[in-house]
Amino acid sequence: MEQRKRNKSNPLRWFVIKMGIAALALWFLYERVFEKVPVRQLLDEYRIVFSDTSKNCLLAAVLVLMLVNWSVEAIKWKMMMAKIEIISFLKSLEAVSPG
């Protein structure tokens, strides 16, 4: 019981640790991405990719498949929840969608 008190006794400390880990992760990503390739070059490459119509078709296919994947995950979630509670497809889609 005392160990539970120790773990919950200082939530500020855990918040600071989590924020420190997040800051280190963001710094690591910045170093890996933006230090090797200038931001201007990345933006120019994005413009080239989105100006090509074949790449736009590929992007559309990715978006459609992403929606299909979310729908399949929602159906799986709905089937698993059916043993506990009957939920609608929209409710299950809300449960598996990011954000």
PDB file of N, CA and C in Angstrom:
ATOM      1  N   MET A   1       0.813  -1.187   0.000  1.00  0.00           N
ATOM      2  CA  MET A   1       0.000   0.000   0.000  1.00  0.00           C
ATOM      3  C   MET A   1       0.864   1.261   0.000  1.00  0.00           C
ATOM      4  N   GLU A   2       1.995   1.231   0.696  1.00  0.00           N
ATOM      5  CA  GLU A   2       2.880   2.384   0.697  1.00  0.00           C
ATOM      6  C   GLU A   2       3.495   2.617  -0.680  1.00  0.00           C
ATOM      7  N   GLN A   3       3.740   1.548  -1.411  1.00  0.00           N
ATOM      8  CA  GLN A   3       4.312   1.701  -2.742  1.00  0.00           C
ATOM      9  C   GLN A   3       3.337   2.426  -3.668  1.00  0.00           C
ATOM     10  N   ARG A   4       2.046   2.157  -3.528  1.00  0.00           N
ATOM     11  CA  ARG A   4       1.047   2.875  -4.318  1.00  0.00           C
ATOM     12  C   ARG A   4       1.100   4.362  -4.012  1.00  0.00           C
ATOM     13  N   LYS A   5       1.247   4.707  -2.764  1.00  0.00           N
ATOM     14  CA  LYS A   5       1.324   6.111  -2.386  1.00  0.00           C
ATOM     15  C   LYS A   5       2.564   6.763  -2.976  1.00  0.00           C
ATOM     16  N   ARG A   6       3.680   6.046  -2.989  1.00  0.00           N
ATOM     17  CA  ARG A   6       4.912   6.597  -3.530  1.00  0.00           C
ATOM     18  C   ARG A   6       4.777   6.870  -5.022  1.00  0.00           C
ATOM     19  N   ASN A   7       4.140   5.962  -5.762  1.00  0.00           N
ATOM     20  CA  ASN A   7       3.992   6.133  -7.201  1.00  0.00           C
ATOM     21  C   ASN A   7       3.079   7.304  -7.551  1.00  0.00           C
ATOM     22  N   LYS A   8       2.053   7.536  -6.738  1.00  0.00           N
ATOM     23  CA  LYS A   8       1.088   8.588  -7.031  1.00  0.00           C
ATOM     24  C   LYS A   8       1.412   9.881  -6.286  1.00  0.00           C
ATOM     25  N   SER A   9       2.444   9.879  -5.470  1.00  0.00           N
ATOM     26  CA  SER A   9       2.690  11.021  -4.610  1.00  0.00           C
ATOM     27  C   SER A   9       3.168  12.256  -5.362  1.00  0.00           C
ATOM     28  N   ASN A  10       3.843  12.092  -6.489  1.00  0.00           N
ATOM     29  CA  ASN A  10       4.396  13.249  -7.157  1.00  0.00           C
ATOM     30  C   ASN A  10       4.098  13.205  -8.661  1.00  0.00           C
ATOM     31  N   PRO A  11       2.881  13.583  -9.069  1.00  0.00           N
ATOM     32  CA  PRO A  11       2.553  13.537 -10.497  1.00  0.00           C
ATOM     33  C   PRO A  11       3.338  14.563 -11.306  1.00  0.00           C
ATOM     34  N   LEU A  12       3.766  15.647 -10.671  1.00  0.00           N
ATOM     35  CA  LEU A  12       4.564  16.651 -11.380  1.00  0.00           C
ATOM     36  C   LEU A  12       5.890  16.053 -11.861  1.00  0.00           C
ATOM     37  N   ARG A  13       6.471  15.212 -11.044  1.00  0.00           N
ATOM     38  CA  ARG A  13       7.740  14.578 -11.424  1.00  0.00           C
ATOM     39  C   ARG A  13       7.551  13.725 -12.672  1.00  0.00           C
ATOM     40  N   TRP A  14       6.455  12.955 -12.736  1.00  0.00           N
ATOM     41  CA  TRP A  14       6.207  12.115 -13.910  1.00  0.00           C
ATOM     42  C   TRP A  14       5.911  12.958 -15.139  1.00  0.00           C
ATOM     43  N   PHE A  15       5.216  14.075 -14.950  1.00  0.00           N
ATOM     44  CA  PHE A  15       4.942  14.987 -16.058  1.00  0.00           C
ATOM     45  C   PHE A  15       6.249  15.545 -16.619  1.00  0.00           C
ATOM     46  N   VAL A  16       7.151  15.947 -15.737  1.00  0.00           N
ATOM     47  CA  VAL A  16       8.439  16.487 -16.178  1.00  0.00           C
ATOM     48  C   VAL A  16       9.253  15.418 -16.904  1.00  0.00           C
ATOM     49  N   ILE A  17       9.231  14.204 -16.408  1.00  0.00           N
ATOM     50  CA  ILE A  17       9.957  13.109 -17.068  1.00  0.00           C
ATOM     51  C   ILE A  17       9.374  12.850 -18.455  1.00  0.00           C
ATOM     52  N   LYS A  18       8.059  12.810 -18.564  1.00  0.00           N
ATOM     53  CA  LYS A  18       7.415  12.572 -19.864  1.00  0.00           C
ATOM     54  C   LYS A  18       7.720  13.690 -20.844  1.00  0.00           C
ATOM     55  N   MET A  19       7.660  14.932 -20.395  1.00  0.00           N
ATOM     56  CA  MET A  19       7.964  16.067 -21.271  1.00  0.00           C
ATOM     57  C   MET A  19       9.432  16.049 -21.694  1.00  0.00           C
ATOM     58  N   GLY A  20      10.298  15.619 -20.797  1.00  0.00           N
ATOM     59  CA  GLY A  20      11.723  15.502 -21.150  1.00  0.00           C
ATOM     60  C   GLY A  20      11.943  14.456 -22.230  1.00  0.00           C
ATOM     61  N   ILE A  21      11.267  13.328 -22.111  1.00  0.00           N
ATOM     62  CA  ILE A  21      11.371  12.275 -23.124  1.00  0.00           C
ATOM     63  C   ILE A  21      10.816  12.769 -24.457  1.00  0.00           C
ATOM     64  N   ALA A  22       9.690  13.482 -24.417  1.00  0.00           N
ATOM     65  CA  ALA A  22       9.112  14.019 -25.650  1.00  0.00           C
ATOM     66  C   ALA A  22      10.048  15.034 -26.293  1.00  0.00           C
ATOM     67  N   ALA A  23      10.666  15.886 -25.495  1.00  0.00           N
ATOM     68  CA  ALA A  23      11.600  16.884 -26.026  1.00  0.00           C
ATOM     69  C   ALA A  23      12.810  16.201 -26.657  1.00  0.00           C
ATOM     70  N   LEU A  24      13.331  15.175 -26.008  1.00  0.00           N
ATOM     71  CA  LEU A  24      14.459  14.437 -26.588  1.00  0.00           C
ATOM     72  C   LEU A  24      14.074  13.762 -27.900  1.00  0.00           C
ATOM     73  N   ALA A  25      12.874  13.217 -27.971  1.00  0.00           N
ATOM     74  CA  ALA A  25      12.421  12.572 -29.203  1.00  0.00           C
ATOM     75  C   ALA A  25      12.296  13.585 -30.330  1.00  0.00           C
ATOM     76  N   LEU A  26      11.726  14.750 -30.034  1.00  0.00           N
ATOM     77  CA  LEU A  26      11.605  15.794 -31.055  1.00  0.00           C
ATOM     78  C   LEU A  26      12.971  16.296 -31.502  1.00  0.00           C
ATOM     79  N   TRP A  27      13.888  16.463 -30.566  1.00  0.00           N
ATOM     80  CA  TRP A  27      15.241  16.887 -30.912  1.00  0.00           C
ATOM     81  C   TRP A  27      15.912  15.852 -31.814  1.00  0.00           C
ATOM     82  N   PHE A  28      15.754  14.575 -31.470  1.00  0.00           N
ATOM     83  CA  PHE A  28      16.340  13.500 -32.273  1.00  0.00           C
ATOM     84  C   PHE A  28      15.779  13.534 -33.695  1.00  0.00           C
ATOM     85  N   LEU A  29      14.460  13.686 -33.831  1.00  0.00           N
ATOM     86  CA  LEU A  29      13.856  13.764 -35.164  1.00  0.00           C
ATOM     87  C   LEU A  29      14.354  14.972 -35.932  1.00  0.00           C
ATOM     88  N   TYR A  30      14.460  16.101 -35.270  1.00  0.00           N
ATOM     89  CA  TYR A  30      14.959  17.308 -35.923  1.00  0.00           C
ATOM     90  C   TYR A  30      16.381  17.080 -36.441  1.00  0.00           C
ATOM     91  N   GLU A  31      17.225  16.504 -35.613  1.00  0.00           N
ATOM     92  CA  GLU A  31      18.613  16.241 -36.012  1.00  0.00           C
ATOM     93  C   GLU A  31      18.679  15.304 -37.207  1.00  0.00           C
ATOM     94  N   ARG A  32      17.858  14.256 -37.201  1.00  0.00           N
ATOM     95  CA  ARG A  32      17.893  13.257 -38.275  1.00  0.00           C
ATOM     96  C   ARG A  32      17.314  13.773 -39.581  1.00  0.00           C
ATOM     97  N   VAL A  33      16.287  14.586 -39.508  1.00  0.00           N
ATOM     98  CA  VAL A  33      15.602  15.019 -40.731  1.00  0.00           C
ATOM     99  C   VAL A  33      16.151  16.341 -41.243  1.00  0.00           C
ATOM    100  N   PHE A  34      16.118  17.376 -40.433  1.00  0.00           N
ATOM    101  CA  PHE A  34      16.379  18.719 -40.925  1.00  0.00           C
ATOM    102  C   PHE A  34      17.860  19.081 -40.975  1.00  0.00           C
ATOM    103  N   GLU A  35      18.683  18.421 -40.217  1.00  0.00           N
ATOM    104  CA  GLU A  35      20.104  18.728 -40.275  1.00  0.00           C
ATOM    105  C   GLU A  35      20.759  18.091 -41.505  1.00  0.00           C
ATOM    106  N   LYS A  36      20.212  16.987 -41.990  1.00  0.00           N
ATOM    107  CA  LYS A  36      20.783  16.321 -43.161  1.00  0.00           C
ATOM    108  C   LYS A  36      20.263  16.917 -44.459  1.00  0.00           C
ATOM    109  N   VAL A  37      18.995  17.347 -44.461  1.00  0.00           N
ATOM    110  CA  VAL A  37      18.384  17.901 -45.665  1.00  0.00           C
ATOM    111  C   VAL A  37      17.771  19.247 -45.292  1.00  0.00           C
ATOM    112  N   PRO A  38      18.145  20.306 -46.002  1.00  0.00           N
ATOM    113  CA  PRO A  38      17.551  21.609 -45.686  1.00  0.00           C
ATOM    114  C   PRO A  38      16.041  21.625 -45.914  1.00  0.00           C
ATOM    115  N   VAL A  39      15.341  22.420 -45.130  1.00  0.00           N
ATOM    116  CA  VAL A  39      13.889  22.497 -45.208  1.00  0.00           C
ATOM    117  C   VAL A  39      13.455  22.949 -46.600  1.00  0.00           C
ATOM    118  N   ARG A  40      14.170  23.880 -47.192  1.00  0.00           N
ATOM    119  CA  ARG A  40      13.837  24.386 -48.529  1.00  0.00           C
ATOM    120  C   ARG A  40      13.861  23.255 -49.560  1.00  0.00           C
ATOM    121  N   GLN A  41      14.841  22.369 -49.452  1.00  0.00           N
ATOM    122  CA  GLN A  41      14.932  21.242 -50.380  1.00  0.00           C
ATOM    123  C   GLN A  41      13.758  20.283 -50.193  1.00  0.00           C
ATOM    124  N   LEU A  42      13.354  20.038 -48.946  1.00  0.00           N
ATOM    125  CA  LEU A  42      12.200  19.180 -48.690  1.00  0.00           C
ATOM    126  C   LEU A  42      10.929  19.759 -49.302  1.00  0.00           C
ATOM    127  N   LEU A  43      10.731  21.075 -49.142  1.00  0.00           N
ATOM    128  CA  LEU A  43       9.547  21.716 -49.711  1.00  0.00           C
ATOM    129  C   LEU A  43       9.545  21.647 -51.232  1.00  0.00           C
ATOM    130  N   ASP A  44      10.712  21.818 -51.847  1.00  0.00           N
ATOM    131  CA  ASP A  44      10.806  21.712 -53.305  1.00  0.00           C
ATOM    132  C   ASP A  44      10.463  20.301 -53.774  1.00  0.00           C
ATOM    133  N   GLU A  45      10.920  19.294 -53.044  1.00  0.00           N
ATOM    134  CA  GLU A  45      10.618  17.906 -53.407  1.00  0.00           C
ATOM    135  C   GLU A  45       9.130  17.607 -53.254  1.00  0.00           C
ATOM    136  N   TYR A  46       8.500  18.156 -52.216  1.00  0.00           N
ATOM    137  CA  TYR A  46       7.051  17.972 -52.057  1.00  0.00           C
ATOM    138  C   TYR A  46       6.282  18.602 -53.213  1.00  0.00           C
ATOM    139  N   ARG A  47       6.717  19.772 -53.648  1.00  0.00           N
ATOM    140  CA  ARG A  47       6.065  20.417 -54.791  1.00  0.00           C
ATOM    141  C   ARG A  47       6.171  19.558 -56.044  1.00  0.00           C
ATOM    142  N   ILE A  48       7.343  18.962 -56.256  1.00  0.00           N
ATOM    143  CA  ILE A  48       7.546  18.096 -57.425  1.00  0.00           C
ATOM    144  C   ILE A  48       6.637  16.875 -57.345  1.00  0.00           C
ATOM    145  N   VAL A  49       6.558  16.259 -56.171  1.00  0.00           N
ATOM    146  CA  VAL A  49       5.738  15.053 -56.001  1.00  0.00           C
ATOM    147  C   VAL A  49       4.269  15.358 -56.256  1.00  0.00           C
ATOM    148  N   PHE A  50       3.764  16.461 -55.700  1.00  0.00           N
ATOM    149  CA  PHE A  50       2.343  16.752 -55.829  1.00  0.00           C
ATOM    150  C   PHE A  50       1.967  17.351 -57.175  1.00  0.00           C
ATOM    151  N   SER A  51       2.943  17.753 -57.972  1.00  0.00           N
ATOM    152  CA  SER A  51       2.626  18.266 -59.303  1.00  0.00           C
ATOM    153  C   SER A  51       2.512  17.141 -60.334  1.00  0.00           C
ATOM    154  N   ASP A  52       3.009  15.960 -60.014  1.00  0.00           N
ATOM    155  CA  ASP A  52       2.954  14.810 -60.922  1.00  0.00           C
ATOM    156  C   ASP A  52       1.618  14.087 -60.740  1.00  0.00           C
ATOM    157  N   THR A  53       0.859  13.920 -61.842  1.00  0.00           N
ATOM    158  CA  THR A  53      -0.473  13.308 -61.734  1.00  0.00           C
ATOM    159  C   THR A  53      -0.415  11.839 -61.347  1.00  0.00           C
ATOM    160  N   SER A  54       0.611  11.121 -61.766  1.00  0.00           N
ATOM    161  CA  SER A  54       0.708   9.708 -61.382  1.00  0.00           C
ATOM    162  C   SER A  54       0.922   9.578 -59.878  1.00  0.00           C
ATOM    163  N   LYS A  55       1.656  10.514 -59.291  1.00  0.00           N
ATOM    164  CA  LYS A  55       1.854  10.494 -57.836  1.00  0.00           C
ATOM    165  C   LYS A  55       0.556  10.842 -57.112  1.00  0.00           C
ATOM    166  N   ASN A  56      -0.246  11.710 -57.719  1.00  0.00           N
ATOM    167  CA  ASN A  56      -1.536  12.047 -57.111  1.00  0.00           C
ATOM    168  C   ASN A  56      -2.462  10.834 -57.091  1.00  0.00           C
ATOM    169  N   CYS A  57      -2.408  10.010 -58.152  1.00  0.00           N
ATOM    170  CA  CYS A  57      -3.211   8.782 -58.166  1.00  0.00           C
ATOM    171  C   CYS A  57      -2.753   7.829 -57.068  1.00  0.00           C
ATOM    172  N   LEU A  58      -1.446   7.752 -56.890  1.00  0.00           N
ATOM    173  CA  LEU A  58      -0.907   6.902 -55.834  1.00  0.00           C
ATOM    174  C   LEU A  58      -1.340   7.409 -54.460  1.00  0.00           C
ATOM    175  N   LEU A  59      -1.301   8.710 -54.273  1.00  0.00           N
ATOM    176  CA  LEU A  59      -1.735   9.296 -53.004  1.00  0.00           C
ATOM    177  C   LEU A  59      -3.219   9.024 -52.757  1.00  0.00           C
ATOM    178  N   ALA A  60      -4.036   9.132 -53.801  1.00  0.00           N
ATOM    179  CA  ALA A  60      -5.468   8.843 -53.667  1.00  0.00           C
ATOM    180  C   ALA A  60      -5.686   7.375 -53.293  1.00  0.00           C
ATOM    181  N   ALA A  61      -4.905   6.477 -53.902  1.00  0.00           N
ATOM    182  CA  ALA A  61      -5.019   5.051 -53.575  1.00  0.00           C
ATOM    183  C   ALA A  61      -4.652   4.801 -52.116  1.00  0.00           C
ATOM    184  N   VAL A  62      -3.619   5.470 -51.642  1.00  0.00           N
ATOM    185  CA  VAL A  62      -3.212   5.323 -50.241  1.00  0.00           C
ATOM    186  C   VAL A  62      -4.319   5.796 -49.302  1.00  0.00           C
ATOM    187  N   LEU A  63      -4.934   6.929 -49.638  1.00  0.00           N
ATOM    188  CA  LEU A  63      -6.014   7.451 -48.792  1.00  0.00           C
ATOM    189  C   LEU A  63      -7.222   6.506 -48.771  1.00  0.00           C
ATOM    190  N   VAL A  64      -7.573   5.951 -49.940  1.00  0.00           N
ATOM    191  CA  VAL A  64      -8.699   5.011 -50.001  1.00  0.00           C
ATOM    192  C   VAL A  64      -8.386   3.762 -49.183  1.00  0.00           C
ATOM    193  N   LEU A  65      -7.176   3.234 -49.331  1.00  0.00           N
ATOM    194  CA  LEU A  65      -6.804   2.035 -48.569  1.00  0.00           C
ATOM    195  C   LEU A  65      -6.745   2.309 -47.069  1.00  0.00           C
ATOM    196  N   MET A  66      -6.381   3.526 -46.700  1.00  0.00           N
ATOM    197  CA  MET A  66      -6.371   3.891 -45.292  1.00  0.00           C
ATOM    198  C   MET A  66      -7.793   3.856 -44.725  1.00  0.00           C
ATOM    199  N   LEU A  67      -8.750   4.374 -45.493  1.00  0.00           N
ATOM    200  CA  LEU A  67     -10.149   4.330 -45.057  1.00  0.00           C
ATOM    201  C   LEU A  67     -10.664   2.894 -44.968  1.00  0.00           C
ATOM    202  N   VAL A  68     -10.259   2.059 -45.929  1.00  0.00           N
ATOM    203  CA  VAL A  68     -10.643   0.641 -45.892  1.00  0.00           C
ATOM    204  C   VAL A  68     -10.065  -0.016 -44.640  1.00  0.00           C
ATOM    205  N   ASN A  69      -8.815   0.273 -44.337  1.00  0.00           N
ATOM    206  CA  ASN A  69      -8.176  -0.308 -43.152  1.00  0.00           C
ATOM    207  C   ASN A  69      -8.901   0.114 -41.882  1.00  0.00           C
ATOM    208  N   TRP A  70      -9.244   1.403 -41.759  1.00  0.00           N
ATOM    209  CA  TRP A  70      -9.989   1.856 -40.585  1.00  0.00           C
ATOM    210  C   TRP A  70     -11.338   1.161 -40.489  1.00  0.00           C
ATOM    211  N   SER A  71     -11.994   0.954 -41.629  1.00  0.00           N
ATOM    212  CA  SER A  71     -13.296   0.282 -41.613  1.00  0.00           C
ATOM    213  C   SER A  71     -13.160  -1.158 -41.149  1.00  0.00           C
ATOM    214  N   VAL A  72     -12.146  -1.853 -41.629  1.00  0.00           N
ATOM    215  CA  VAL A  72     -11.927  -3.249 -41.210  1.00  0.00           C
ATOM    216  C   VAL A  72     -11.621  -3.296 -39.715  1.00  0.00           C
ATOM    217  N   GLU A  73     -10.793  -2.371 -39.237  1.00  0.00           N
ATOM    218  CA  GLU A  73     -10.496  -2.324 -37.798  1.00  0.00           C
ATOM    219  C   GLU A  73     -11.761  -2.040 -36.990  1.00  0.00           C
ATOM    220  N   ALA A  74     -12.617  -1.169 -37.505  1.00  0.00           N
ATOM    221  CA  ALA A  74     -13.865  -0.855 -36.808  1.00  0.00           C
ATOM    222  C   ALA A  74     -14.777  -2.068 -36.756  1.00  0.00           C
ATOM    223  N   ILE A  75     -14.841  -2.820 -37.841  1.00  0.00           N
ATOM    224  CA  ILE A  75     -15.663  -4.043 -37.851  1.00  0.00           C
ATOM    225  C   ILE A  75     -15.120  -5.048 -36.841  1.00  0.00           C
ATOM    226  N   LYS A  76     -13.796  -5.210 -36.805  1.00  0.00           N
ATOM    227  CA  LYS A  76     -13.199  -6.120 -35.823  1.00  0.00           C
ATOM    228  C   LYS A  76     -13.523  -5.664 -34.400  1.00  0.00           C
ATOM    229  N   TRP A  77     -13.408  -4.361 -34.156  1.00  0.00           N
ATOM    230  CA  TRP A  77     -13.712  -3.815 -32.828  1.00  0.00           C
ATOM    231  C   TRP A  77     -15.174  -4.060 -32.466  1.00  0.00           C
ATOM    232  N   LYS A  78     -16.063  -3.853 -33.444  1.00  0.00           N
ATOM    233  CA  LYS A  78     -17.488  -4.060 -33.206  1.00  0.00           C
ATOM    234  C   LYS A  78     -17.778  -5.523 -32.863  1.00  0.00           C
ATOM    235  N   MET A  79     -17.112  -6.436 -33.557  1.00  0.00           N
ATOM    236  CA  MET A  79     -17.322  -7.860 -33.292  1.00  0.00           C
ATOM    237  C   MET A  79     -16.790  -8.256 -31.914  1.00  0.00           C
ATOM    238  N   MET A  80     -15.650  -7.675 -31.524  1.00  0.00           N
ATOM    239  CA  MET A  80     -15.111  -7.992 -30.196  1.00  0.00           C
ATOM    240  C   MET A  80     -15.991  -7.409 -29.092  1.00  0.00           C
ATOM    241  N   MET A  81     -16.533  -6.232 -29.314  1.00  0.00           N
ATOM    242  CA  MET A  81     -17.366  -5.585 -28.316  1.00  0.00           C
ATOM    243  C   MET A  81     -18.750  -6.218 -28.217  1.00  0.00           C
ATOM    244  N   ALA A  82     -19.165  -6.966 -29.236  1.00  0.00           N
ATOM    245  CA  ALA A  82     -20.507  -7.548 -29.251  1.00  0.00           C
ATOM    246  C   ALA A  82     -20.733  -8.475 -28.054  1.00  0.00           C
ATOM    247  N   LYS A  83     -19.668  -9.063 -27.526  1.00  0.00           N
ATOM    248  CA  LYS A  83     -19.807  -9.942 -26.363  1.00  0.00           C
ATOM    249  C   LYS A  83     -20.138  -9.140 -25.101  1.00  0.00           C
ATOM    250  N   ILE A  84     -19.749  -7.874 -25.097  1.00  0.00           N
ATOM    251  CA  ILE A  84     -19.962  -7.036 -23.921  1.00  0.00           C
ATOM    252  C   ILE A  84     -21.136  -6.080 -24.129  1.00  0.00           C
ATOM    253  N   GLU A  85     -21.135  -5.416 -25.293  1.00  0.00           N
ATOM    254  CA  GLU A  85     -22.141  -4.392 -25.560  1.00  0.00           C
ATOM    255  C   GLU A  85     -22.306  -4.260 -27.076  1.00  0.00           C
ATOM    256  N   ILE A  86     -23.525  -4.088 -27.510  1.00  0.00           N
ATOM    257  CA  ILE A  86     -23.804  -3.873 -28.933  1.00  0.00           C
ATOM    258  C   ILE A  86     -23.563  -2.384 -29.232  1.00  0.00           C
ATOM    259  N   ILE A  87     -22.655  -2.127 -30.195  1.00  0.00           N
ATOM    260  CA  ILE A  87     -22.354  -0.749 -30.573  1.00  0.00           C
ATOM    261  C   ILE A  87     -22.538  -0.593 -32.077  1.00  0.00           C
ATOM    262  N   SER A  88     -22.738   0.637 -32.512  1.00  0.00           N
ATOM    263  CA  SER A  88     -22.918   0.902 -33.939  1.00  0.00           C
ATOM    264  C   SER A  88     -21.557   0.925 -34.637  1.00  0.00           C
ATOM    265  N   PHE A  89     -21.609   0.844 -35.967  1.00  0.00           N
ATOM    266  CA  PHE A  89     -20.383   0.910 -36.751  1.00  0.00           C
ATOM    267  C   PHE A  89     -19.700   2.263 -36.547  1.00  0.00           C
ATOM    268  N   LEU A  90     -20.462   3.334 -36.511  1.00  0.00           N
ATOM    269  CA  LEU A  90     -19.870   4.664 -36.326  1.00  0.00           C
ATOM    270  C   LEU A  90     -19.183   4.790 -34.973  1.00  0.00           C
ATOM    271  N   LYS A  91     -19.782   4.204 -33.951  1.00  0.00           N
ATOM    272  CA  LYS A  91     -19.177   4.237 -32.611  1.00  0.00           C
ATOM    273  C   LYS A  91     -17.863   3.435 -32.609  1.00  0.00           C
ATOM    274  N   SER A  92     -17.866   2.283 -33.289  1.00  0.00           N
ATOM    275  CA  SER A  92     -16.641   1.495 -33.352  1.00  0.00           C
ATOM    276  C   SER A  92     -15.591   2.184 -34.219  1.00  0.00           C
ATOM    277  N   LEU A  93     -16.021   2.884 -35.259  1.00  0.00           N
ATOM    278  CA  LEU A  93     -15.084   3.630 -36.098  1.00  0.00           C
ATOM    279  C   LEU A  93     -14.466   4.773 -35.295  1.00  0.00           C
ATOM    280  N   GLU A  94     -15.256   5.396 -34.468  1.00  0.00           N
ATOM    281  CA  GLU A  94     -14.745   6.449 -33.609  1.00  0.00           C
ATOM    282  C   GLU A  94     -13.725   5.888 -32.617  1.00  0.00           C
ATOM    283  N   ALA A  95     -13.934   4.658 -32.180  1.00  0.00           N
ATOM    284  CA  ALA A  95     -13.025   4.055 -31.204  1.00  0.00           C
ATOM    285  C   ALA A  95     -11.674   3.714 -31.819  1.00  0.00           C
ATOM    286  N   VAL A  96     -11.633   3.379 -33.084  1.00  0.00           N
ATOM    287  CA  VAL A  96     -10.357   2.971 -33.688  1.00  0.00           C
ATOM    288  C   VAL A  96      -9.687   4.070 -34.494  1.00  0.00           C
ATOM    289  N   SER A  97     -10.382   5.167 -34.761  1.00  0.00           N
ATOM    290  CA  SER A  97      -9.767   6.226 -35.561  1.00  0.00           C
ATOM    291  C   SER A  97      -8.812   7.039 -34.703  1.00  0.00           C
ATOM    292  N   PRO A  98      -7.729   7.512 -35.320  1.00  0.00           N
ATOM    293  CA  PRO A  98      -6.752   8.299 -34.537  1.00  0.00           C
ATOM    294  C   PRO A  98      -7.333   9.661 -34.170  1.00  0.00           C
ATOM    295  N   GLY A  99      -6.906  10.124 -33.028  1.00  0.00           N
ATOM    296  CA  GLY A  99      -7.326  11.472 -32.617  1.00  0.00           C
ATOM    297  C   GLY A  99      -8.364  11.480 -31.646  1.00  0.00           C
TER     298      GLY A  99
END
